[in-house]
Amino acid sequence: MTDATRGAAVDAVAWISAALAVGSALLAVGHVGVRIPVVSALGPGGSAPVVPAAIAFAVAACLHGGVAYGVARRRPWAWPLGVLVAAVTLLGAAVPFRGAGSVVGIMLAGSELGLLLTRRIRRAILRPAS
């Protein structure tokens, strides 16, 4: 893998995490009872507020945003945080399975985790070129 390819792969991790941050923020808003076109259609339905889920998605949005920032800046702390957050997101999207929304979460978190677990991506984040 060339340096340019490695850099593009690390950037892909940052963009995936940013997408998960935006998606989590939208889900947080949706779980307080606000109807969001397209996003609300992906879930199981209903507009009743689910405060614990809203809080969990708000925390996830902040964590994914932090990972996106850290990976983009090649901060060493971003790799273990990214692995942890992607794994928890993957598990949370899979159990309980909630249809199309879960599929999107599984695909994004699985892609992020798969990339983060490659040796070259790990090295690029943990030991950035000076």
C-alpha atoms as a PDB file:
ATOM      1  CA  MET A   1       0.000   0.000   0.000  1.00  0.00           C
ATOM      2  CA  THR A   2       1.529   3.316  -1.046  1.00  0.00           C
ATOM      3  CA  ASP A   3       1.557   6.348   1.228  1.00  0.00           C
ATOM      4  CA  ALA A   4      -1.156   7.973  -0.893  1.00  0.00           C
ATOM      5  CA  THR A   5      -3.345   4.872  -0.712  1.00  0.00           C
ATOM      6  CA  ARG A   6      -2.753   4.565   3.035  1.00  0.00           C
ATOM      7  CA  GLY A   7      -3.643   8.242   3.467  1.00  0.00           C
ATOM      8  CA  ALA A   8      -6.842   7.758   1.471  1.00  0.00           C
ATOM      9  CA  ALA A   9      -7.778   4.746   3.593  1.00  0.00           C
ATOM     10  CA  VAL A  10      -7.193   6.696   6.818  1.00  0.00           C
ATOM     11  CA  ASP A  11      -9.276   9.549   5.392  1.00  0.00           C
ATOM     12  CA  ALA A  12     -12.021   7.011   4.593  1.00  0.00           C
ATOM     13  CA  VAL A  13     -12.066   5.988   8.267  1.00  0.00           C
ATOM     14  CA  ALA A  14     -12.452   9.647   9.257  1.00  0.00           C
ATOM     15  CA  TRP A  15     -15.306  10.157   6.777  1.00  0.00           C
ATOM     16  CA  ILE A  16     -17.093   6.986   7.876  1.00  0.00           C
ATOM     17  CA  SER A  17     -16.854   8.085  11.496  1.00  0.00           C
ATOM     18  CA  ALA A  18     -18.137  11.539  10.533  1.00  0.00           C
ATOM     19  CA  ALA A  19     -21.089   9.920   8.739  1.00  0.00           C
ATOM     20  CA  LEU A  20     -21.798   7.844  11.854  1.00  0.00           C
ATOM     21  CA  ALA A  21     -21.629  11.027  13.961  1.00  0.00           C
ATOM     22  CA  VAL A  22     -24.198  12.771  11.753  1.00  0.00           C
ATOM     23  CA  GLY A  23     -26.412   9.680  11.649  1.00  0.00           C
ATOM     24  CA  SER A  24     -26.240   9.291  15.419  1.00  0.00           C
ATOM     25  CA  ALA A  25     -27.110  12.969  15.894  1.00  0.00           C
ATOM     26  CA  LEU A  26     -30.124  12.592  13.607  1.00  0.00           C
ATOM     27  CA  LEU A  27     -31.214   9.483  15.504  1.00  0.00           C
ATOM     28  CA  ALA A  28     -30.830  11.359  18.803  1.00  0.00           C
ATOM     29  CA  VAL A  29     -33.137  14.089  17.518  1.00  0.00           C
ATOM     30  CA  GLY A  30     -35.560  11.505  16.155  1.00  0.00           C
ATOM     31  CA  HIS A  31     -35.695   9.700  19.491  1.00  0.00           C
ATOM     32  CA  VAL A  32     -36.814  12.834  21.319  1.00  0.00           C
ATOM     33  CA  GLY A  33     -39.949  12.707  19.183  1.00  0.00           C
ATOM     34  CA  VAL A  34     -39.014  14.948  16.238  1.00  0.00           C
ATOM     35  CA  ARG A  35     -40.089  13.483  12.910  1.00  0.00           C
ATOM     36  CA  ILE A  36     -37.219  13.555  10.396  1.00  0.00           C
ATOM     37  CA  PRO A  37     -38.028  12.779   6.737  1.00  0.00           C
ATOM     38  CA  VAL A  38     -36.276   9.650   5.400  1.00  0.00           C
ATOM     39  CA  VAL A  39     -34.542   8.921   8.745  1.00  0.00           C
ATOM     40  CA  SER A  40     -37.844   8.330  10.546  1.00  0.00           C
ATOM     41  CA  ALA A  41     -38.936   6.000   7.749  1.00  0.00           C
ATOM     42  CA  LEU A  42     -35.912   3.741   8.348  1.00  0.00           C
ATOM     43  CA  GLY A  43     -36.849   2.923  11.935  1.00  0.00           C
ATOM     44  CA  PRO A  44     -39.556   0.742  13.404  1.00  0.00           C
ATOM     45  CA  GLY A  45     -41.996   3.666  13.445  1.00  0.00           C
ATOM     46  CA  GLY A  46     -43.685   5.734  16.068  1.00  0.00           C
ATOM     47  CA  SER A  47     -42.968   9.229  17.251  1.00  0.00           C
ATOM     48  CA  ALA A  48     -43.104   8.722  21.007  1.00  0.00           C
ATOM     49  CA  PRO A  49     -39.953  10.034  22.702  1.00  0.00           C
ATOM     50  CA  VAL A  50     -37.465   7.407  23.874  1.00  0.00           C
ATOM     51  CA  VAL A  51     -35.174   9.464  26.093  1.00  0.00           C
ATOM     52  CA  PRO A  52     -32.597   6.755  26.954  1.00  0.00           C
ATOM     53  CA  ALA A  53     -32.084   6.044  23.245  1.00  0.00           C
ATOM     54  CA  ALA A  54     -31.828   9.776  22.514  1.00  0.00           C
ATOM     55  CA  ILE A  55     -29.101  10.121  25.155  1.00  0.00           C
ATOM     56  CA  ALA A  56     -27.241   7.072  23.865  1.00  0.00           C
ATOM     57  CA  PHE A  57     -27.313   8.379  20.291  1.00  0.00           C
ATOM     58  CA  ALA A  58     -26.184  11.846  21.429  1.00  0.00           C
ATOM     59  CA  VAL A  59     -23.201  10.292  23.235  1.00  0.00           C
ATOM     60  CA  ALA A  60     -22.458   8.160  20.156  1.00  0.00           C
ATOM     61  CA  ALA A  61     -22.567  11.268  17.953  1.00  0.00           C
ATOM     62  CA  CYS A  62     -19.998  12.993  20.168  1.00  0.00           C
ATOM     63  CA  LEU A  63     -17.746   9.925  20.282  1.00  0.00           C
ATOM     64  CA  HIS A  64     -17.876   9.357  16.520  1.00  0.00           C
ATOM     65  CA  GLY A  65     -17.176  13.046  15.965  1.00  0.00           C
ATOM     66  CA  GLY A  66     -14.158  12.794  18.239  1.00  0.00           C
ATOM     67  CA  VAL A  67     -12.902   9.732  16.396  1.00  0.00           C
ATOM     68  CA  ALA A  68     -13.361  11.476  13.035  1.00  0.00           C
ATOM     69  CA  TYR A  69     -11.339  14.454  14.276  1.00  0.00           C
ATOM     70  CA  GLY A  70      -8.630  12.298  15.866  1.00  0.00           C
ATOM     71  CA  VAL A  71      -8.216  10.025  12.861  1.00  0.00           C
ATOM     72  CA  ALA A  72      -8.131  12.970  10.440  1.00  0.00           C
ATOM     73  CA  ARG A  73      -5.385  14.554  12.577  1.00  0.00           C
ATOM     74  CA  ARG A  74      -3.616  11.185  13.006  1.00  0.00           C
ATOM     75  CA  ARG A  75      -3.810  11.394  16.798  1.00  0.00           C
ATOM     76  CA  PRO A  76      -2.632   8.166  18.479  1.00  0.00           C
ATOM     77  CA  TRP A  77      -5.578   8.135  20.924  1.00  0.00           C
ATOM     78  CA  ALA A  78      -8.009   7.963  17.997  1.00  0.00           C
ATOM     79  CA  TRP A  79      -7.136   4.393  17.073  1.00  0.00           C
ATOM     80  CA  PRO A  80      -8.145   2.639  20.332  1.00  0.00           C
ATOM     81  CA  LEU A  81     -11.144   4.954  20.741  1.00  0.00           C
ATOM     82  CA  GLY A  82     -12.185   4.296  17.148  1.00  0.00           C
ATOM     83  CA  VAL A  83     -11.943   0.536  17.560  1.00  0.00           C
ATOM     84  CA  LEU A  84     -13.979   0.641  20.772  1.00  0.00           C
ATOM     85  CA  VAL A  85     -16.661   2.996  19.440  1.00  0.00           C
ATOM     86  CA  ALA A  86     -16.985   1.142  16.107  1.00  0.00           C
ATOM     87  CA  ALA A  87     -17.275  -2.224  17.888  1.00  0.00           C
ATOM     88  CA  VAL A  88     -19.937  -0.942  20.303  1.00  0.00           C
ATOM     89  CA  THR A  89     -21.812   0.701  17.420  1.00  0.00           C
ATOM     90  CA  LEU A  90     -21.666  -2.516  15.404  1.00  0.00           C
ATOM     91  CA  LEU A  91     -23.003  -4.523  18.323  1.00  0.00           C
ATOM     92  CA  GLY A  92     -25.681  -1.912  19.095  1.00  0.00           C
ATOM     93  CA  ALA A  93     -26.856  -1.871  15.477  1.00  0.00           C
ATOM     94  CA  ALA A  94     -27.037  -5.652  15.304  1.00  0.00           C
ATOM     95  CA  VAL A  95     -28.757  -6.328  18.652  1.00  0.00           C
ATOM     96  CA  PRO A  96     -31.657  -5.727  18.589  1.00  0.00           C
ATOM     97  CA  PHE A  97     -31.925  -5.696  14.809  1.00  0.00           C
ATOM     98  CA  ARG A  98     -34.284  -2.886  13.700  1.00  0.00           C
ATOM     99  CA  GLY A  99     -34.423  -3.246   9.918  1.00  0.00           C
ATOM    100  CA  ALA A 100     -32.911  -0.865   7.364  1.00  0.00           C
ATOM    101  CA  GLY A 101     -31.511   1.494  10.000  1.00  0.00           C
ATOM    102  CA  SER A 102     -29.610  -1.382  11.569  1.00  0.00           C
ATOM    103  CA  VAL A 103     -28.285  -2.457   8.172  1.00  0.00           C
ATOM    104  CA  VAL A 104     -26.859   1.024   7.562  1.00  0.00           C
ATOM    105  CA  GLY A 105     -25.257   1.091  11.006  1.00  0.00           C
ATOM    106  CA  ILE A 106     -23.829  -2.407  10.596  1.00  0.00           C
ATOM    107  CA  MET A 107     -22.355  -1.577   7.193  1.00  0.00           C
ATOM    108  CA  LEU A 108     -20.764   1.702   8.301  1.00  0.00           C
ATOM    109  CA  ALA A 109     -19.476   0.513  11.677  1.00  0.00           C
ATOM    110  CA  GLY A 110     -18.291  -2.777  10.179  1.00  0.00           C
ATOM    111  CA  SER A 111     -16.400  -0.947   7.433  1.00  0.00           C
ATOM    112  CA  GLU A 112     -14.829   1.427   9.944  1.00  0.00           C
ATOM    113  CA  LEU A 113     -13.824  -1.391  12.281  1.00  0.00           C
ATOM    114  CA  GLY A 114     -12.453  -3.491   9.427  1.00  0.00           C
ATOM    115  CA  LEU A 115     -10.292  -0.624   8.220  1.00  0.00           C
ATOM    116  CA  LEU A 116      -9.107   0.282  11.720  1.00  0.00           C
ATOM    117  CA  LEU A 117      -8.021  -3.293  12.365  1.00  0.00           C
ATOM    118  CA  THR A 118      -5.697  -3.430   9.360  1.00  0.00           C
ATOM    119  CA  ARG A 119      -2.036  -3.212  10.295  1.00  0.00           C
ATOM    120  CA  ARG A 120      -1.245  -0.346   7.926  1.00  0.00           C
ATOM    121  CA  ILE A 121      -4.118   1.840   9.085  1.00  0.00           C
ATOM    122  CA  ARG A 122      -3.236   1.174  12.710  1.00  0.00           C
ATOM    123  CA  ARG A 123       0.391   2.140  12.055  1.00  0.00           C
ATOM    124  CA  ALA A 124      -0.601   5.234  10.086  1.00  0.00           C
ATOM    125  CA  ILE A 125      -2.690   6.497  12.997  1.00  0.00           C
ATOM    126  CA  LEU A 126      -0.493   5.384  15.889  1.00  0.00           C
ATOM    127  CA  ARG A 127       2.815   6.431  14.296  1.00  0.00           C
ATOM    128  CA  PRO A 128       2.099   9.275  11.863  1.00  0.00           C
ATOM    129  CA  ALA A 129       4.899  10.485   9.619  1.00  0.00           C
ATOM    130  CA  SER A 130       6.636  13.535  11.012  1.00  0.00           C
END
